[in-house]
Amino acid sequence: MKAEAEKCLAQGEKFEDEKAEFEYAIYAKEEVVSKMQSFERLKAEAEKCLAQSEKFKYEKAEFESAVHAKFVGALNSKKVKFRELRDQFSKLKTSGKLLQKEEVH
């Protein structure tokens, strides 16, 4: 039925009878309703995906901020430790030179 009706419409012909035209009209209406329902379903899914994407974007930014803060904290504590060790080394180096000078005299 569908193929026959589409062929008639494509060739610009009229339907053989009113019954065939009416049946095609019913079929076409059902197709339109089906397509509209499918469109609405896809639209709702797209909106849901967009909302989820925005949520993930926000969560990612928060995660990155938290990781960055932890990294900066760890880095700064390592810098402090490095300075302490460098100062200790300098003191030991200086006291070692003093000891060597005293031993020479």
PDB file of N, CA and C in Angstrom:
ATOM      1  N   MET A   1       0.819  -1.183   0.000  1.00  0.00           N
ATOM      2  CA  MET A   1       0.000   0.000   0.000  1.00  0.00           C
ATOM      3  C   MET A   1       0.868   1.253   0.000  1.00  0.00           C
ATOM      4  N   LYS A   2       1.819   1.303   0.905  1.00  0.00           N
ATOM      5  CA  LYS A   2       2.658   2.480   1.044  1.00  0.00           C
ATOM      6  C   LYS A   2       3.425   2.754  -0.246  1.00  0.00           C
ATOM      7  N   ALA A   3       4.066   1.734  -0.792  1.00  0.00           N
ATOM      8  CA  ALA A   3       4.867   1.904  -2.002  1.00  0.00           C
ATOM      9  C   ALA A   3       3.981   2.341  -3.169  1.00  0.00           C
ATOM     10  N   GLU A   4       2.828   1.765  -3.269  1.00  0.00           N
ATOM     11  CA  GLU A   4       1.893   2.104  -4.348  1.00  0.00           C
ATOM     12  C   GLU A   4       1.437   3.562  -4.227  1.00  0.00           C
ATOM     13  N   ALA A   5       1.144   3.979  -3.002  1.00  0.00           N
ATOM     14  CA  ALA A   5       0.697   5.349  -2.778  1.00  0.00           C
ATOM     15  C   ALA A   5       1.822   6.336  -3.032  1.00  0.00           C
ATOM     16  N   GLU A   6       3.030   6.014  -2.587  1.00  0.00           N
ATOM     17  CA  GLU A   6       4.167   6.909  -2.812  1.00  0.00           C
ATOM     18  C   GLU A   6       4.469   7.035  -4.302  1.00  0.00           C
ATOM     19  N   LYS A   7       4.309   5.947  -5.042  1.00  0.00           N
ATOM     20  CA  LYS A   7       4.537   5.969  -6.483  1.00  0.00           C
ATOM     21  C   LYS A   7       3.534   6.900  -7.159  1.00  0.00           C
ATOM     22  N   CYS A   8       2.300   6.810  -6.756  1.00  0.00           N
ATOM     23  CA  CYS A   8       1.264   7.689  -7.311  1.00  0.00           C
ATOM     24  C   CYS A   8       1.581   9.149  -7.011  1.00  0.00           C
ATOM     25  N   LEU A   9       1.975   9.422  -5.781  1.00  0.00           N
ATOM     26  CA  LEU A   9       2.283  10.794  -5.395  1.00  0.00           C
ATOM     27  C   LEU A   9       3.504  11.313  -6.128  1.00  0.00           C
ATOM     28  N   ALA A  10       4.521  10.482  -6.294  1.00  0.00           N
ATOM     29  CA  ALA A  10       5.754  10.885  -6.974  1.00  0.00           C
ATOM     30  C   ALA A  10       5.498  11.190  -8.445  1.00  0.00           C
ATOM     31  N   GLN A  11       4.627  10.456  -9.047  1.00  0.00           N
ATOM     32  CA  GLN A  11       4.338  10.659 -10.474  1.00  0.00           C
ATOM     33  C   GLN A  11       3.248  11.702 -10.686  1.00  0.00           C
ATOM     34  N   GLY A  12       2.736  12.249  -9.623  1.00  0.00           N
ATOM     35  CA  GLY A  12       1.700  13.271  -9.733  1.00  0.00           C
ATOM     36  C   GLY A  12       0.344  12.697 -10.111  1.00  0.00           C
ATOM     37  N   GLU A  13       0.205  11.397  -9.963  1.00  0.00           N
ATOM     38  CA  GLU A  13      -1.073  10.757 -10.309  1.00  0.00           C
ATOM     39  C   GLU A  13      -2.026  10.833  -9.131  1.00  0.00           C
ATOM     40  N   LYS A  14      -3.241  10.595  -9.428  1.00  0.00           N
ATOM     41  CA  LYS A  14      -4.255  10.538  -8.380  1.00  0.00           C
ATOM     42  C   LYS A  14      -4.417   9.087  -7.942  1.00  0.00           C
ATOM     43  N   PHE A  15      -4.937   8.936  -6.749  1.00  0.00           N
ATOM     44  CA  PHE A  15      -5.203   7.588  -6.257  1.00  0.00           C
ATOM     45  C   PHE A  15      -6.322   6.976  -7.084  1.00  0.00           C
ATOM     46  N   GLU A  16      -6.334   5.654  -7.121  1.00  0.00           N
ATOM     47  CA  GLU A  16      -7.350   4.940  -7.899  1.00  0.00           C
ATOM     48  C   GLU A  16      -8.750   5.204  -7.351  1.00  0.00           C
ATOM     49  N   ASP A  17      -8.816   5.252  -6.033  1.00  0.00           N
ATOM     50  CA  ASP A  17     -10.124   5.531  -5.435  1.00  0.00           C
ATOM     51  C   ASP A  17      -9.945   6.285  -4.127  1.00  0.00           C
ATOM     52  N   GLU A  18     -11.023   6.754  -3.591  1.00  0.00           N
ATOM     53  CA  GLU A  18     -10.975   7.538  -2.360  1.00  0.00           C
ATOM     54  C   GLU A  18     -10.518   6.691  -1.176  1.00  0.00           C
ATOM     55  N   LYS A  19     -10.850   5.419  -1.226  1.00  0.00           N
ATOM     56  CA  LYS A  19     -10.456   4.523  -0.131  1.00  0.00           C
ATOM     57  C   LYS A  19      -8.932   4.455  -0.042  1.00  0.00           C
ATOM     58  N   ALA A  20      -8.249   4.309  -1.162  1.00  0.00           N
ATOM     59  CA  ALA A  20      -6.793   4.226  -1.179  1.00  0.00           C
ATOM     60  C   ALA A  20      -6.192   5.546  -0.693  1.00  0.00           C
ATOM     61  N   GLU A  21      -6.783   6.648  -1.140  1.00  0.00           N
ATOM     62  CA  GLU A  21      -6.298   7.958  -0.711  1.00  0.00           C
ATOM     63  C   GLU A  21      -6.487   8.136   0.792  1.00  0.00           C
ATOM     64  N   PHE A  22      -7.613   7.701   1.296  1.00  0.00           N
ATOM     65  CA  PHE A  22      -7.907   7.804   2.730  1.00  0.00           C
ATOM     66  C   PHE A  22      -6.960   6.926   3.543  1.00  0.00           C
ATOM     67  N   GLU A  23      -6.717   5.708   3.065  1.00  0.00           N
ATOM     68  CA  GLU A  23      -5.803   4.798   3.755  1.00  0.00           C
ATOM     69  C   GLU A  23      -4.386   5.383   3.802  1.00  0.00           C
ATOM     70  N   TYR A  24      -3.984   5.996   2.679  1.00  0.00           N
ATOM     71  CA  TYR A  24      -2.659   6.606   2.669  1.00  0.00           C
ATOM     72  C   TYR A  24      -2.604   7.796   3.617  1.00  0.00           C
ATOM     73  N   ALA A  25      -3.665   8.559   3.685  1.00  0.00           N
ATOM     74  CA  ALA A  25      -3.719   9.710   4.592  1.00  0.00           C
ATOM     75  C   ALA A  25      -3.594   9.238   6.041  1.00  0.00           C
ATOM     76  N   ILE A  26      -4.258   8.159   6.371  1.00  0.00           N
ATOM     77  CA  ILE A  26      -4.160   7.593   7.725  1.00  0.00           C
ATOM     78  C   ILE A  26      -2.731   7.122   7.982  1.00  0.00           C
ATOM     79  N   TYR A  27      -2.153   6.422   7.003  1.00  0.00           N
ATOM     80  CA  TYR A  27      -0.773   5.952   7.127  1.00  0.00           C
ATOM     81  C   TYR A  27       0.177   7.135   7.315  1.00  0.00           C
ATOM     82  N   ALA A  28       0.001   8.172   6.500  1.00  0.00           N
ATOM     83  CA  ALA A  28       0.874   9.346   6.578  1.00  0.00           C
ATOM     84  C   ALA A  28       0.734  10.023   7.939  1.00  0.00           C
ATOM     85  N   LYS A  29      -0.483  10.107   8.436  1.00  0.00           N
ATOM     86  CA  LYS A  29      -0.711  10.711   9.757  1.00  0.00           C
ATOM     87  C   LYS A  29       0.014   9.900  10.831  1.00  0.00           C
ATOM     88  N   GLU A  30      -0.092   8.583  10.760  1.00  0.00           N
ATOM     89  CA  GLU A  30       0.594   7.722  11.731  1.00  0.00           C
ATOM     90  C   GLU A  30       2.105   7.905  11.637  1.00  0.00           C
ATOM     91  N   GLU A  31       2.617   8.060  10.434  1.00  0.00           N
ATOM     92  CA  GLU A  31       4.053   8.289  10.245  1.00  0.00           C
ATOM     93  C   GLU A  31       4.474   9.617  10.871  1.00  0.00           C
ATOM     94  N   VAL A  32       3.665  10.642  10.652  1.00  0.00           N
ATOM     95  CA  VAL A  32       3.972  11.956  11.228  1.00  0.00           C
ATOM     96  C   VAL A  32       3.959  11.878  12.746  1.00  0.00           C
ATOM     97  N   VAL A  33       2.954  11.235  13.301  1.00  0.00           N
ATOM     98  CA  VAL A  33       2.866  11.091  14.759  1.00  0.00           C
ATOM     99  C   VAL A  33       4.072  10.321  15.284  1.00  0.00           C
ATOM    100  N   SER A  34       4.434   9.242  14.597  1.00  0.00           N
ATOM    101  CA  SER A  34       5.589   8.442  15.005  1.00  0.00           C
ATOM    102  C   SER A  34       6.874   9.264  14.946  1.00  0.00           C
ATOM    103  N   LYS A  35       7.045  10.033  13.871  1.00  0.00           N
ATOM    104  CA  LYS A  35       8.247  10.864  13.731  1.00  0.00           C
ATOM    105  C   LYS A  35       8.284  11.948  14.807  1.00  0.00           C
ATOM    106  N   MET A  36       7.138  12.532  15.104  1.00  0.00           N
ATOM    107  CA  MET A  36       7.077  13.574  16.146  1.00  0.00           C
ATOM    108  C   MET A  36       7.428  12.985  17.523  1.00  0.00           C
ATOM    109  N   GLN A  37       6.903  11.808  17.805  1.00  0.00           N
ATOM    110  CA  GLN A  37       7.229  11.158  19.078  1.00  0.00           C
ATOM    111  C   GLN A  37       8.712  10.843  19.152  1.00  0.00           C
ATOM    112  N   SER A  38       9.255  10.357  18.053  1.00  0.00           N
ATOM    113  CA  SER A  38      10.681  10.055  18.004  1.00  0.00           C
ATOM    114  C   SER A  38      11.491  11.333  18.196  1.00  0.00           C
ATOM    115  N   PHE A  39      11.077  12.414  17.546  1.00  0.00           N
ATOM    116  CA  PHE A  39      11.759  13.695  17.680  1.00  0.00           C
ATOM    117  C   PHE A  39      11.714  14.177  19.127  1.00  0.00           C
ATOM    118  N   GLU A  40      10.553  14.102  19.751  1.00  0.00           N
ATOM    119  CA  GLU A  40      10.413  14.553  21.142  1.00  0.00           C
ATOM    120  C   GLU A  40      11.290  13.716  22.083  1.00  0.00           C
ATOM    121  N   ARG A  41      11.340  12.414  21.820  1.00  0.00           N
ATOM    122  CA  ARG A  41      12.171  11.522  22.632  1.00  0.00           C
ATOM    123  C   ARG A  41      13.651  11.885  22.474  1.00  0.00           C
ATOM    124  N   LEU A  42      14.075  12.112  21.234  1.00  0.00           N
ATOM    125  CA  LEU A  42      15.473  12.479  20.980  1.00  0.00           C
ATOM    126  C   LEU A  42      15.800  13.856  21.558  1.00  0.00           C
ATOM    127  N   LYS A  43      14.851  14.764  21.473  1.00  0.00           N
ATOM    128  CA  LYS A  43      15.043  16.100  22.036  1.00  0.00           C
ATOM    129  C   LYS A  43      15.223  16.018  23.550  1.00  0.00           C
ATOM    130  N   ALA A  44      14.386  15.234  24.211  1.00  0.00           N
ATOM    131  CA  ALA A  44      14.497  15.068  25.664  1.00  0.00           C
ATOM    132  C   ALA A  44      15.835  14.427  26.027  1.00  0.00           C
ATOM    133  N   GLU A  45      16.244  13.450  25.250  1.00  0.00           N
ATOM    134  CA  GLU A  45      17.532  12.786  25.498  1.00  0.00           C
ATOM    135  C   GLU A  45      18.694  13.761  25.300  1.00  0.00           C
ATOM    136  N   ALA A  46      18.604  14.605  24.274  1.00  0.00           N
ATOM    137  CA  ALA A  46      19.653  15.598  24.015  1.00  0.00           C
ATOM    138  C   ALA A  46      19.728  16.603  25.164  1.00  0.00           C
ATOM    139  N   GLU A  47      18.571  17.029  25.671  1.00  0.00           N
ATOM    140  CA  GLU A  47      18.556  17.962  26.801  1.00  0.00           C
ATOM    141  C   GLU A  47      19.146  17.317  28.049  1.00  0.00           C
ATOM    142  N   LYS A  48      18.825  16.046  28.242  1.00  0.00           N
ATOM    143  CA  LYS A  48      19.375  15.310  29.379  1.00  0.00           C
ATOM    144  C   LYS A  48      20.902  15.197  29.247  1.00  0.00           C
ATOM    145  N   CYS A  49      21.383  14.906  28.042  1.00  0.00           N
ATOM    146  CA  CYS A  49      22.828  14.804  27.807  1.00  0.00           C
ATOM    147  C   CYS A  49      23.513  16.148  28.021  1.00  0.00           C
ATOM    148  N   LEU A  50      22.874  17.211  27.590  1.00  0.00           N
ATOM    149  CA  LEU A  50      23.438  18.543  27.775  1.00  0.00           C
ATOM    150  C   LEU A  50      23.552  18.878  29.264  1.00  0.00           C
ATOM    151  N   ALA A  51      22.504  18.574  30.020  1.00  0.00           N
ATOM    152  CA  ALA A  51      22.533  18.822  31.465  1.00  0.00           C
ATOM    153  C   ALA A  51      23.627  17.990  32.125  1.00  0.00           C
ATOM    154  N   GLN A  52      23.753  16.750  31.713  1.00  0.00           N
ATOM    155  CA  GLN A  52      24.777  15.871  32.263  1.00  0.00           C
ATOM    156  C   GLN A  52      26.170  16.388  31.902  1.00  0.00           C
ATOM    157  N   SER A  53      26.323  16.879  30.697  1.00  0.00           N
ATOM    158  CA  SER A  53      27.596  17.437  30.269  1.00  0.00           C
ATOM    159  C   SER A  53      27.968  18.656  31.108  1.00  0.00           C
ATOM    160  N   GLU A  54      27.007  19.510  31.377  1.00  0.00           N
ATOM    161  CA  GLU A  54      27.258  20.686  32.218  1.00  0.00           C
ATOM    162  C   GLU A  54      27.652  20.254  33.635  1.00  0.00           C
ATOM    163  N   LYS A  55      26.986  19.231  34.140  1.00  0.00           N
ATOM    164  CA  LYS A  55      27.307  18.714  35.475  1.00  0.00           C
ATOM    165  C   LYS A  55      28.739  18.173  35.497  1.00  0.00           C
ATOM    166  N   PHE A  56      29.103  17.394  34.481  1.00  0.00           N
ATOM    167  CA  PHE A  56      30.458  16.846  34.410  1.00  0.00           C
ATOM    168  C   PHE A  56      31.496  17.955  34.287  1.00  0.00           C
ATOM    169  N   LYS A  57      31.171  18.987  33.518  1.00  0.00           N
ATOM    170  CA  LYS A  57      32.088  20.112  33.358  1.00  0.00           C
ATOM    171  C   LYS A  57      32.343  20.780  34.714  1.00  0.00           C
ATOM    172  N   TYR A  58      31.291  20.989  35.473  1.00  0.00           N
ATOM    173  CA  TYR A  58      31.415  21.601  36.790  1.00  0.00           C
ATOM    174  C   TYR A  58      32.219  20.700  37.727  1.00  0.00           C
ATOM    175  N   GLU A  59      31.901  19.399  37.736  1.00  0.00           N
ATOM    176  CA  GLU A  59      32.614  18.461  38.599  1.00  0.00           C
ATOM    177  C   GLU A  59      34.087  18.363  38.212  1.00  0.00           C
ATOM    178  N   LYS A  60      34.380  18.398  36.927  1.00  0.00           N
ATOM    179  CA  LYS A  60      35.772  18.337  36.455  1.00  0.00           C
ATOM    180  C   LYS A  60      36.539  19.563  36.941  1.00  0.00           C
ATOM    181  N   ALA A  61      35.920  20.735  36.833  1.00  0.00           N
ATOM    182  CA  ALA A  61      36.584  21.959  37.278  1.00  0.00           C
ATOM    183  C   ALA A  61      36.850  21.907  38.780  1.00  0.00           C
ATOM    184  N   GLU A  62      35.887  21.411  39.546  1.00  0.00           N
ATOM    185  CA  GLU A  62      36.078  21.290  40.994  1.00  0.00           C
ATOM    186  C   GLU A  62      37.190  20.293  41.315  1.00  0.00           C
ATOM    187  N   PHE A  63      37.209  19.165  40.616  1.00  0.00           N
ATOM    188  CA  PHE A  63      38.239  18.150  40.830  1.00  0.00           C
ATOM    189  C   PHE A  63      39.623  18.715  40.518  1.00  0.00           C
ATOM    190  N   GLU A  64      39.732  19.387  39.368  1.00  0.00           N
ATOM    191  CA  GLU A  64      41.020  19.961  38.979  1.00  0.00           C
ATOM    192  C   GLU A  64      41.488  21.002  39.990  1.00  0.00           C
ATOM    193  N   SER A  65      40.560  21.790  40.494  1.00  0.00           N
ATOM    194  CA  SER A  65      40.905  22.805  41.490  1.00  0.00           C
ATOM    195  C   SER A  65      41.418  22.145  42.769  1.00  0.00           C
ATOM    196  N   ALA A  66      40.743  21.091  43.201  1.00  0.00           N
ATOM    197  CA  ALA A  66      41.153  20.378  44.416  1.00  0.00           C
ATOM    198  C   ALA A  66      42.523  19.724  44.223  1.00  0.00           C
ATOM    199  N   VAL A  67      42.733  19.093  43.082  1.00  0.00           N
ATOM    200  CA  VAL A  67      44.022  18.438  42.809  1.00  0.00           C
ATOM    201  C   VAL A  67      45.132  19.487  42.747  1.00  0.00           C
ATOM    202  N   HIS A  68      44.842  20.611  42.116  1.00  0.00           N
ATOM    203  CA  HIS A  68      45.837  21.677  42.015  1.00  0.00           C
ATOM    204  C   HIS A  68      46.201  22.194  43.405  1.00  0.00           C
ATOM    205  N   ALA A  69      45.198  22.385  44.250  1.00  0.00           N
ATOM    206  CA  ALA A  69      45.464  22.874  45.605  1.00  0.00           C
ATOM    207  C   ALA A  69      46.329  21.871  46.378  1.00  0.00           C
ATOM    208  N   LYS A  70      46.029  20.587  46.243  1.00  0.00           N
ATOM    209  CA  LYS A  70      46.836  19.562  46.926  1.00  0.00           C
ATOM    210  C   LYS A  70      48.261  19.551  46.373  1.00  0.00           C
ATOM    211  N   PHE A  71      48.391  19.669  45.066  1.00  0.00           N
ATOM    212  CA  PHE A  71      49.708  19.670  44.445  1.00  0.00           C
ATOM    213  C   PHE A  71      50.525  20.863  44.921  1.00  0.00           C
ATOM    214  N   VAL A  72      49.914  22.041  44.921  1.00  0.00           N
ATOM    215  CA  VAL A  72      50.630  23.248  45.361  1.00  0.00           C
ATOM    216  C   VAL A  72      51.056  23.097  46.814  1.00  0.00           C
ATOM    217  N   GLY A  73      50.180  22.541  47.649  1.00  0.00           N
ATOM    218  CA  GLY A  73      50.532  22.306  49.049  1.00  0.00           C
ATOM    219  C   GLY A  73      51.716  21.364  49.185  1.00  0.00           C
ATOM    220  N   ALA A  74      51.672  20.265  48.447  1.00  0.00           N
ATOM    221  CA  ALA A  74      52.773  19.293  48.498  1.00  0.00           C
ATOM    222  C   ALA A  74      54.060  19.910  47.948  1.00  0.00           C
ATOM    223  N   LEU A  75      53.958  20.650  46.863  1.00  0.00           N
ATOM    224  CA  LEU A  75      55.125  21.288  46.272  1.00  0.00           C
ATOM    225  C   LEU A  75      55.750  22.294  47.247  1.00  0.00           C
ATOM    226  N   ASN A  76      54.929  23.095  47.873  1.00  0.00           N
ATOM    227  CA  ASN A  76      55.448  24.083  48.822  1.00  0.00           C
ATOM    228  C   ASN A  76      56.108  23.426  50.031  1.00  0.00           C
ATOM    229  N   SER A  77      55.527  22.318  50.511  1.00  0.00           N
ATOM    230  CA  SER A  77      56.160  21.628  51.645  1.00  0.00           C
ATOM    231  C   SER A  77      57.506  21.025  51.228  1.00  0.00           C
ATOM    232  N   LYS A  78      57.596  20.549  49.985  1.00  0.00           N
ATOM    233  CA  LYS A  78      58.869  20.021  49.488  1.00  0.00           C
ATOM    234  C   LYS A  78      59.908  21.139  49.352  1.00  0.00           C
ATOM    235  N   LYS A  79      59.452  22.320  48.925  1.00  0.00           N
ATOM    236  CA  LYS A  79      60.367  23.457  48.824  1.00  0.00           C
ATOM    237  C   LYS A  79      60.922  23.834  50.199  1.00  0.00           C
ATOM    238  N   VAL A  80      60.044  23.831  51.212  1.00  0.00           N
ATOM    239  CA  VAL A  80      60.482  24.152  52.568  1.00  0.00           C
ATOM    240  C   VAL A  80      61.514  23.131  53.040  1.00  0.00           C
ATOM    241  N   LYS A  81      61.229  21.869  52.803  1.00  0.00           N
ATOM    242  CA  LYS A  81      62.149  20.800  53.206  1.00  0.00           C
ATOM    243  C   LYS A  81      63.484  20.938  52.467  1.00  0.00           C
ATOM    244  N   PHE A  82      63.419  21.243  51.190  1.00  0.00           N
ATOM    245  CA  PHE A  82      64.626  21.431  50.400  1.00  0.00           C
ATOM    246  C   PHE A  82      65.472  22.581  50.960  1.00  0.00           C
ATOM    247  N   ARG A  83      64.832  23.694  51.301  1.00  0.00           N
ATOM    248  CA  ARG A  83      65.566  24.830  51.862  1.00  0.00           C
ATOM    249  C   ARG A  83      66.218  24.466  53.196  1.00  0.00           C
ATOM    250  N   GLU A  84      65.465  23.713  54.022  1.00  0.00           N
ATOM    251  CA  GLU A  84      66.023  23.278  55.310  1.00  0.00           C
ATOM    252  C   GLU A  84      67.262  22.416  55.099  1.00  0.00           C
ATOM    253  N   LEU A  85      67.165  21.466  54.176  1.00  0.00           N
ATOM    254  CA  LEU A  85      68.303  20.586  53.910  1.00  0.00           C
ATOM    255  C   LEU A  85      69.478  21.359  53.310  1.00  0.00           C
ATOM    256  N   ARG A  86      69.176  22.320  52.435  1.00  0.00           N
ATOM    257  CA  ARG A  86      70.224  23.145  51.840  1.00  0.00           C
ATOM    258  C   ARG A  86      70.934  23.965  52.924  1.00  0.00           C
ATOM    259  N   ASP A  87      70.150  24.530  53.841  1.00  0.00           N
ATOM    260  CA  ASP A  87      70.741  25.309  54.929  1.00  0.00           C
ATOM    261  C   ASP A  87      71.600  24.422  55.831  1.00  0.00           C
ATOM    262  N   GLN A  88      71.098  23.223  56.137  1.00  0.00           N
ATOM    263  CA  GLN A  88      71.875  22.286  56.950  1.00  0.00           C
ATOM    264  C   GLN A  88      73.173  21.916  56.246  1.00  0.00           C
ATOM    265  N   PHE A  89      73.080  21.670  54.951  1.00  0.00           N
ATOM    266  CA  PHE A  89      74.257  21.323  54.181  1.00  0.00           C
ATOM    267  C   PHE A  89      75.280  22.465  54.197  1.00  0.00           C
ATOM    268  N   SER A  90      74.771  23.689  54.003  1.00  0.00           N
ATOM    269  CA  SER A  90      75.665  24.860  54.024  1.00  0.00           C
ATOM    270  C   SER A  90      76.350  24.977  55.377  1.00  0.00           C
ATOM    271  N   LYS A  91      75.612  24.765  56.469  1.00  0.00           N
ATOM    272  CA  LYS A  91      76.193  24.835  57.809  1.00  0.00           C
ATOM    273  C   LYS A  91      77.246  23.752  57.996  1.00  0.00           C
ATOM    274  N   LEU A  92      76.931  22.546  57.541  1.00  0.00           N
ATOM    275  CA  LEU A  92      77.888  21.448  57.671  1.00  0.00           C
ATOM    276  C   LEU A  92      79.126  21.712  56.819  1.00  0.00           C
ATOM    277  N   LYS A  93      78.914  22.217  55.654  1.00  0.00           N
ATOM    278  CA  LYS A  93      80.009  22.521  54.755  1.00  0.00           C
ATOM    279  C   LYS A  93      80.905  23.602  55.379  1.00  0.00           C
ATOM    280  N   THR A  94      80.269  24.638  55.916  1.00  0.00           N
ATOM    281  CA  THR A  94      81.017  25.730  56.554  1.00  0.00           C
ATOM    282  C   THR A  94      81.748  25.222  57.784  1.00  0.00           C
ATOM    283  N   SER A  95      81.092  24.448  58.623  1.00  0.00           N
ATOM    284  CA  SER A  95      81.750  23.927  59.823  1.00  0.00           C
ATOM    285  C   SER A  95      82.849  22.944  59.446  1.00  0.00           C
ATOM    286  N   GLY A  96      82.679  22.215  58.355  1.00  0.00           N
ATOM    287  CA  GLY A  96      83.719  21.304  57.887  1.00  0.00           C
ATOM    288  C   GLY A  96      84.949  22.058  57.428  1.00  0.00           C
ATOM    289  N   LYS A  97      84.766  23.187  56.766  1.00  0.00           N
ATOM    290  CA  LYS A  97      85.896  24.009  56.333  1.00  0.00           C
ATOM    291  C   LYS A  97      86.620  24.583  57.532  1.00  0.00           C
ATOM    292  N   LEU A  98      85.829  24.995  58.543  1.00  0.00           N
ATOM    293  CA  LEU A  98      86.441  25.534  59.755  1.00  0.00           C
ATOM    294  C   LEU A  98      87.292  24.474  60.439  1.00  0.00           C
ATOM    295  N   LEU A  99      86.761  23.256  60.477  1.00  0.00           N
ATOM    296  CA  LEU A  99      87.514  22.166  61.098  1.00  0.00           C
ATOM    297  C   LEU A  99      88.798  21.888  60.315  1.00  0.00           C
ATOM    298  N   GLN A 100      88.715  21.906  59.018  1.00  0.00           N
ATOM    299  CA  GLN A 100      89.912  21.663  58.192  1.00  0.00           C
ATOM    300  C   GLN A 100      90.934  22.743  58.418  1.00  0.00           C
ATOM    301  N   LYS A 101      90.543  24.008  58.533  1.00  0.00           N
ATOM    302  CA  LYS A 101      91.456  25.101  58.768  1.00  0.00           C
ATOM    303  C   LYS A 101      92.113  24.966  60.140  1.00  0.00           C
ATOM    304  N   GLU A 102      91.320  24.553  61.124  1.00  0.00           N
ATOM    305  CA  GLU A 102      91.874  24.385  62.480  1.00  0.00           C
ATOM    306  C   GLU A 102      92.879  23.246  62.495  1.00  0.00           C
ATOM    307  N   GLU A 103      92.623  22.184  61.764  1.00  0.00           N
ATOM    308  CA  GLU A 103      93.538  21.054  61.723  1.00  0.00           C
ATOM    309  C   GLU A 103      94.843  21.445  61.040  1.00  0.00           C
ATOM    310  N   VAL A 104      94.782  22.301  60.031  1.00  0.00           N
ATOM    311  CA  VAL A 104      95.962  22.754  59.313  1.00  0.00           C
ATOM    312  C   VAL A 104      96.827  23.626  60.234  1.00  0.00           C
ATOM    313  N   HIS A 105      96.244  24.452  61.061  1.00  0.00           N
ATOM    314  CA  HIS A 105      97.005  25.356  61.939  1.00  0.00           C
ATOM    315  C   HIS A 105      97.495  24.630  63.098  1.00  0.00           C
TER     316      HIS A 105
END
